[in-house]
Amino acid sequence: ELHQEIKEVKEQVESLRSSLRAAEESVRSKEEQFAEQQLQSCQHLEALQIEVNRLKNEIQTTEHEAD
């Protein structure tokens, strides 16, 4: 009887352990996705900033030519 209970508890512990492992992997995967998205956002912002600066220069050049 006690032997059976111990066996059941061990099985529950093992089940919890594998659930925890799966949850940790899921979190890690989400963290990696988030980091990747952040990197893409930063690169996108940098590209936009470069484009804004280019357009500003173009406008200034056009204004000087108009003078």
PDB file of N, CA and C in Angstrom:
ATOM      1  N   GLU A   1       0.842  -1.210   0.000  1.00  0.00           N
ATOM      2  CA  GLU A   1       0.000   0.000   0.000  1.00  0.00           C
ATOM      3  C   GLU A   1       0.877   1.260   0.000  1.00  0.00           C
ATOM      4  N   LEU A   2       1.776   1.347   0.957  1.00  0.00           N
ATOM      5  CA  LEU A   2       2.695   2.486   1.022  1.00  0.00           C
ATOM      6  C   LEU A   2       3.577   2.519  -0.224  1.00  0.00           C
ATOM      7  N   HIS A   3       4.018   1.337  -0.630  1.00  0.00           N
ATOM      8  CA  HIS A   3       4.845   1.216  -1.826  1.00  0.00           C
ATOM      9  C   HIS A   3       4.111   1.789  -3.047  1.00  0.00           C
ATOM     10  N   GLN A   4       2.832   1.492  -3.155  1.00  0.00           N
ATOM     11  CA  GLN A   4       2.003   1.983  -4.268  1.00  0.00           C
ATOM     12  C   GLN A   4       1.877   3.514  -4.215  1.00  0.00           C
ATOM     13  N   GLU A   5       1.662   4.050  -3.007  1.00  0.00           N
ATOM     14  CA  GLU A   5       1.541   5.506  -2.848  1.00  0.00           C
ATOM     15  C   GLU A   5       2.834   6.203  -3.249  1.00  0.00           C
ATOM     16  N   ILE A   6       3.953   5.646  -2.826  1.00  0.00           N
ATOM     17  CA  ILE A   6       5.264   6.210  -3.173  1.00  0.00           C
ATOM     18  C   ILE A   6       5.436   6.208  -4.691  1.00  0.00           C
ATOM     19  N   LYS A   7       5.040   5.117  -5.318  1.00  0.00           N
ATOM     20  CA  LYS A   7       5.151   5.000  -6.770  1.00  0.00           C
ATOM     21  C   LYS A   7       4.305   6.078  -7.461  1.00  0.00           C
ATOM     22  N   GLU A   8       3.086   6.298  -6.963  1.00  0.00           N
ATOM     23  CA  GLU A   8       2.197   7.314  -7.539  1.00  0.00           C
ATOM     24  C   GLU A   8       2.772   8.719  -7.367  1.00  0.00           C
ATOM     25  N   VAL A   9       3.309   8.990  -6.185  1.00  0.00           N
ATOM     26  CA  VAL A   9       3.914  10.303  -5.927  1.00  0.00           C
ATOM     27  C   VAL A   9       5.096  10.530  -6.873  1.00  0.00           C
ATOM     28  N   LYS A  10       5.913   9.500  -7.056  1.00  0.00           N
ATOM     29  CA  LYS A  10       7.057   9.613  -7.969  1.00  0.00           C
ATOM     30  C   LYS A  10       6.589   9.917  -9.388  1.00  0.00           C
ATOM     31  N   GLU A  11       5.500   9.252  -9.800  1.00  0.00           N
ATOM     32  CA  GLU A  11       4.955   9.496 -11.139  1.00  0.00           C
ATOM     33  C   GLU A  11       4.453  10.932 -11.276  1.00  0.00           C
ATOM     34  N   GLN A  12       3.786  11.427 -10.225  1.00  0.00           N
ATOM     35  CA  GLN A  12       3.297  12.811 -10.246  1.00  0.00           C
ATOM     36  C   GLN A  12       4.458  13.801 -10.339  1.00  0.00           C
ATOM     37  N   VAL A  13       5.493  13.532  -9.554  1.00  0.00           N
ATOM     38  CA  VAL A  13       6.678  14.400  -9.571  1.00  0.00           C
ATOM     39  C   VAL A  13       7.286  14.417 -10.974  1.00  0.00           C
ATOM     40  N   GLU A  14       7.407  13.244 -11.578  1.00  0.00           N
ATOM     41  CA  GLU A  14       7.980  13.148 -12.925  1.00  0.00           C
ATOM     42  C   GLU A  14       7.122  13.906 -13.940  1.00  0.00           C
ATOM     43  N   SER A  15       5.815  13.774 -13.789  1.00  0.00           N
ATOM     44  CA  SER A  15       4.883  14.476 -14.669  1.00  0.00           C
ATOM     45  C   SER A  15       5.022  15.994 -14.519  1.00  0.00           C
ATOM     46  N   LEU A  16       5.102  16.456 -13.267  1.00  0.00           N
ATOM     47  CA  LEU A  16       5.287  17.887 -13.004  1.00  0.00           C
ATOM     48  C   LEU A  16       6.606  18.382 -13.581  1.00  0.00           C
ATOM     49  N   ARG A  17       7.630  17.549 -13.414  1.00  0.00           N
ATOM     50  CA  ARG A  17       8.956  17.900 -13.911  1.00  0.00           C
ATOM     51  C   ARG A  17       8.925  18.111 -15.431  1.00  0.00           C
ATOM     52  N   SER A  18       8.259  17.200 -16.130  1.00  0.00           N
ATOM     53  CA  SER A  18       8.227  17.336 -17.589  1.00  0.00           C
ATOM     54  C   SER A  18       7.345  18.516 -18.017  1.00  0.00           C
ATOM     55  N   SER A  19       6.275  18.800 -17.254  1.00  0.00           N
ATOM     56  CA  SER A  19       5.453  19.988 -17.532  1.00  0.00           C
ATOM     57  C   SER A  19       6.274  21.262 -17.360  1.00  0.00           C
ATOM     58  N   LEU A  20       7.047  21.289 -16.284  1.00  0.00           N
ATOM     59  CA  LEU A  20       7.896  22.442 -16.003  1.00  0.00           C
ATOM     60  C   LEU A  20       8.922  22.642 -17.118  1.00  0.00           C
ATOM     61  N   ARG A  21       9.526  21.540 -17.550  1.00  0.00           N
ATOM     62  CA  ARG A  21      10.506  21.596 -18.627  1.00  0.00           C
ATOM     63  C   ARG A  21       9.876  22.181 -19.897  1.00  0.00           C
ATOM     64  N   ALA A  22       8.669  21.708 -20.220  1.00  0.00           N
ATOM     65  CA  ALA A  22       7.961  22.208 -21.404  1.00  0.00           C
ATOM     66  C   ALA A  22       7.658  23.704 -21.267  1.00  0.00           C
ATOM     67  N   ALA A  23       7.242  24.117 -20.071  1.00  0.00           N
ATOM     68  CA  ALA A  23       6.939  25.531 -19.827  1.00  0.00           C
ATOM     69  C   ALA A  23       8.192  26.391 -19.975  1.00  0.00           C
ATOM     70  N   GLU A  24       9.320  25.906 -19.449  1.00  0.00           N
ATOM     71  CA  GLU A  24      10.582  26.648 -19.561  1.00  0.00           C
ATOM     72  C   GLU A  24      10.990  26.810 -21.022  1.00  0.00           C
ATOM     73  N   GLU A  25      10.844  25.743 -21.799  1.00  0.00           N
ATOM     74  CA  GLU A  25      11.186  25.817 -23.220  1.00  0.00           C
ATOM     75  C   GLU A  25      10.290  26.808 -23.947  1.00  0.00           C
ATOM     76  N   SER A  26       9.017  26.805 -23.588  1.00  0.00           N
ATOM     77  CA  SER A  26       8.061  27.737 -24.189  1.00  0.00           C
ATOM     78  C   SER A  26       8.447  29.187 -23.883  1.00  0.00           C
ATOM     79  N   VAL A  27       8.804  29.444 -22.618  1.00  0.00           N
ATOM     80  CA  VAL A  27       9.219  30.793 -22.220  1.00  0.00           C
ATOM     81  C   VAL A  27      10.478  31.203 -22.981  1.00  0.00           C
ATOM     82  N   ARG A  28      11.444  30.287 -23.056  1.00  0.00           N
ATOM     83  CA  ARG A  28      12.691  30.580 -23.756  1.00  0.00           C
ATOM     84  C   ARG A  28      12.407  30.920 -25.226  1.00  0.00           C
ATOM     85  N   SER A  29      11.544  30.141 -25.833  1.00  0.00           N
ATOM     86  CA  SER A  29      11.166  30.366 -27.226  1.00  0.00           C
ATOM     87  C   SER A  29      10.524  31.746 -27.402  1.00  0.00           C
ATOM     88  N   LYS A  30       9.631  32.108 -26.466  1.00  0.00           N
ATOM     89  CA  LYS A  30       8.978  33.421 -26.538  1.00  0.00           C
ATOM     90  C   LYS A  30       9.985  34.547 -26.330  1.00  0.00           C
ATOM     91  N   GLU A  31      10.934  34.349 -25.418  1.00  0.00           N
ATOM     92  CA  GLU A  31      11.969  35.365 -25.184  1.00  0.00           C
ATOM     93  C   GLU A  31      12.795  35.583 -26.448  1.00  0.00           C
ATOM     94  N   GLU A  32      13.144  34.472 -27.116  1.00  0.00           N
ATOM     95  CA  GLU A  32      13.923  34.582 -28.350  1.00  0.00           C
ATOM     96  C   GLU A  32      13.131  35.308 -29.435  1.00  0.00           C
ATOM     97  N   GLN A  33      11.839  34.979 -29.542  1.00  0.00           N
ATOM     98  CA  GLN A  33      10.979  35.656 -30.517  1.00  0.00           C
ATOM     99  C   GLN A  33      10.927  37.150 -30.224  1.00  0.00           C
ATOM    100  N   PHE A  34      10.761  37.489 -28.951  1.00  0.00           N
ATOM    101  CA  PHE A  34      10.660  38.886 -28.541  1.00  0.00           C
ATOM    102  C   PHE A  34      11.951  39.635 -28.870  1.00  0.00           C
ATOM    103  N   ALA A  35      13.084  39.012 -28.565  1.00  0.00           N
ATOM    104  CA  ALA A  35      14.386  39.625 -28.849  1.00  0.00           C
ATOM    105  C   ALA A  35      14.541  39.864 -30.348  1.00  0.00           C
ATOM    106  N   GLU A  36      14.119  38.892 -31.143  1.00  0.00           N
ATOM    107  CA  GLU A  36      14.192  39.006 -32.602  1.00  0.00           C
ATOM    108  C   GLU A  36      13.311  40.159 -33.093  1.00  0.00           C
ATOM    109  N   GLN A  37      12.105  40.265 -32.537  1.00  0.00           N
ATOM    110  CA  GLN A  37      11.195  41.352 -32.924  1.00  0.00           C
ATOM    111  C   GLN A  37      11.766  42.708 -32.532  1.00  0.00           C
ATOM    112  N   GLN A  38      12.374  42.774 -31.351  1.00  0.00           N
ATOM    113  CA  GLN A  38      12.981  44.036 -30.906  1.00  0.00           C
ATOM    114  C   GLN A  38      14.101  44.454 -31.849  1.00  0.00           C
ATOM    115  N   LEU A  39      14.923  43.480 -32.232  1.00  0.00           N
ATOM    116  CA  LEU A  39      16.026  43.754 -33.144  1.00  0.00           C
ATOM    117  C   LEU A  39      15.494  44.291 -34.472  1.00  0.00           C
ATOM    118  N   GLN A  40      14.460  43.638 -34.998  1.00  0.00           N
ATOM    119  CA  GLN A  40      13.864  44.081 -36.261  1.00  0.00           C
ATOM    120  C   GLN A  40      13.291  45.487 -36.130  1.00  0.00           C
ATOM    121  N   SER A  41      12.647  45.775 -34.994  1.00  0.00           N
ATOM    122  CA  SER A  41      12.086  47.107 -34.764  1.00  0.00           C
ATOM    123  C   SER A  41      13.192  48.159 -34.746  1.00  0.00           C
ATOM    124  N   CYS A  42      14.285  47.840 -34.066  1.00  0.00           N
ATOM    125  CA  CYS A  42      15.423  48.773 -34.008  1.00  0.00           C
ATOM    126  C   CYS A  42      15.983  49.031 -35.398  1.00  0.00           C
ATOM    127  N   GLN A  43      16.158  47.956 -36.163  1.00  0.00           N
ATOM    128  CA  GLN A  43      16.688  48.100 -37.516  1.00  0.00           C
ATOM    129  C   GLN A  43      15.732  48.918 -38.377  1.00  0.00           C
ATOM    130  N   HIS A  44      14.423  48.687 -38.199  1.00  0.00           N
ATOM    131  CA  HIS A  44      13.409  49.416 -38.950  1.00  0.00           C
ATOM    132  C   HIS A  44      13.461  50.903 -38.589  1.00  0.00           C
ATOM    133  N   LEU A  45      13.590  51.191 -37.287  1.00  0.00           N
ATOM    134  CA  LEU A  45      13.687  52.581 -36.836  1.00  0.00           C
ATOM    135  C   LEU A  45      14.927  53.262 -37.411  1.00  0.00           C
ATOM    136  N   GLU A  46      16.048  52.551 -37.401  1.00  0.00           N
ATOM    137  CA  GLU A  46      17.281  53.121 -37.951  1.00  0.00           C
ATOM    138  C   GLU A  46      17.112  53.444 -39.428  1.00  0.00           C
ATOM    139  N   ALA A  47      16.487  52.523 -40.153  1.00  0.00           N
ATOM    140  CA  ALA A  47      16.259  52.737 -41.584  1.00  0.00           C
ATOM    141  C   ALA A  47      15.357  53.955 -41.798  1.00  0.00           C
ATOM    142  N   LEU A  48      14.328  54.093 -40.975  1.00  0.00           N
ATOM    143  CA  LEU A  48      13.426  55.245 -41.082  1.00  0.00           C
ATOM    144  C   LEU A  48      14.170  56.544 -40.779  1.00  0.00           C
ATOM    145  N   GLN A  49      15.029  56.503 -39.753  1.00  0.00           N
ATOM    146  CA  GLN A  49      15.789  57.693 -39.371  1.00  0.00           C
ATOM    147  C   GLN A  49      16.698  58.138 -40.521  1.00  0.00           C
ATOM    148  N   ILE A  50      17.341  57.173 -41.155  1.00  0.00           N
ATOM    149  CA  ILE A  50      18.205  57.469 -42.299  1.00  0.00           C
ATOM    150  C   ILE A  50      17.385  58.101 -43.427  1.00  0.00           C
ATOM    151  N   GLU A  51      16.204  57.542 -43.669  1.00  0.00           N
ATOM    152  CA  GLU A  51      15.324  58.063 -44.723  1.00  0.00           C
ATOM    153  C   GLU A  51      14.846  59.478 -44.391  1.00  0.00           C
ATOM    154  N   VAL A  52      14.505  59.726 -43.127  1.00  0.00           N
ATOM    155  CA  VAL A  52      14.080  61.064 -42.695  1.00  0.00           C
ATOM    156  C   VAL A  52      15.217  62.067 -42.919  1.00  0.00           C
ATOM    157  N   ASN A  53      16.426  61.700 -42.519  1.00  0.00           N
ATOM    158  CA  ASN A  53      17.583  62.588 -42.704  1.00  0.00           C
ATOM    159  C   ASN A  53      17.837  62.861 -44.184  1.00  0.00           C
ATOM    160  N   ARG A  54      17.692  61.818 -44.993  1.00  0.00           N
ATOM    161  CA  ARG A  54      17.898  61.975 -46.433  1.00  0.00           C
ATOM    162  C   ARG A  54      16.874  62.963 -47.006  1.00  0.00           C
ATOM    163  N   LEU A  55      15.625  62.814 -46.587  1.00  0.00           N
ATOM    164  CA  LEU A  55      14.566  63.707 -47.072  1.00  0.00           C
ATOM    165  C   LEU A  55      14.785  65.139 -46.584  1.00  0.00           C
ATOM    166  N   LYS A  56      15.234  65.298 -45.341  1.00  0.00           N
ATOM    167  CA  LYS A  56      15.528  66.640 -44.814  1.00  0.00           C
ATOM    168  C   LYS A  56      16.597  67.316 -45.670  1.00  0.00           C
ATOM    169  N   ASN A  57      17.659  66.557 -45.958  1.00  0.00           N
ATOM    170  CA  ASN A  57      18.740  67.096 -46.788  1.00  0.00           C
ATOM    171  C   ASN A  57      18.225  67.479 -48.169  1.00  0.00           C
ATOM    172  N   GLU A  58      17.366  66.619 -48.708  1.00  0.00           N
ATOM    173  CA  GLU A  58      16.798  66.874 -50.033  1.00  0.00           C
ATOM    174  C   GLU A  58      15.980  68.164 -50.019  1.00  0.00           C
ATOM    175  N   ILE A  59      15.190  68.360 -48.952  1.00  0.00           N
ATOM    176  CA  ILE A  59      14.355  69.559 -48.829  1.00  0.00           C
ATOM    177  C   ILE A  59      15.242  70.801 -48.714  1.00  0.00           C
ATOM    178  N   GLN A  60      16.292  70.723 -47.887  1.00  0.00           N
ATOM    179  CA  GLN A  60      17.205  71.859 -47.714  1.00  0.00           C
ATOM    180  C   GLN A  60      17.868  72.210 -49.044  1.00  0.00           C
ATOM    181  N   THR A  61      18.305  71.172 -49.751  1.00  0.00           N
ATOM    182  CA  THR A  61      18.951  71.384 -51.049  1.00  0.00           C
ATOM    183  C   THR A  61      17.985  72.074 -52.007  1.00  0.00           C
ATOM    184  N   THR A  62      16.749  71.607 -52.033  1.00  0.00           N
ATOM    185  CA  THR A  62      15.727  72.186 -52.912  1.00  0.00           C
ATOM    186  C   THR A  62      15.452  73.635 -52.525  1.00  0.00           C
ATOM    187  N   GLU A  63      15.411  73.921 -51.211  1.00  0.00           N
ATOM    188  CA  GLU A  63      15.172  75.292 -50.740  1.00  0.00           C
ATOM    189  C   GLU A  63      16.319  76.209 -51.152  1.00  0.00           C
ATOM    190  N   HIS A  64      17.563  75.714 -51.045  1.00  0.00           N
ATOM    191  CA  HIS A  64      18.728  76.513 -51.446  1.00  0.00           C
ATOM    192  C   HIS A  64      18.691  76.797 -52.937  1.00  0.00           C
ATOM    193  N   GLU A  65      18.304  75.814 -53.709  1.00  0.00           N
ATOM    194  CA  GLU A  65      18.220  75.997 -55.159  1.00  0.00           C
ATOM    195  C   GLU A  65      17.135  77.012 -55.505  1.00  0.00           C
ATOM    196  N   ALA A  66      16.079  77.063 -54.695  1.00  0.00           N
ATOM    197  CA  ALA A  66      14.975  78.001 -54.931  1.00  0.00           C
ATOM    198  C   ALA A  66      15.397  79.433 -54.606  1.00  0.00           C
ATOM    199  N   ASP A  67      16.336  79.572 -53.662  1.00  0.00           N
ATOM    200  CA  ASP A  67      16.818  80.916 -53.280  1.00  0.00           C
ATOM    201  C   ASP A  67      17.551  81.490 -54.414  1.00  0.00           C
TER     202      ASP A  67
END
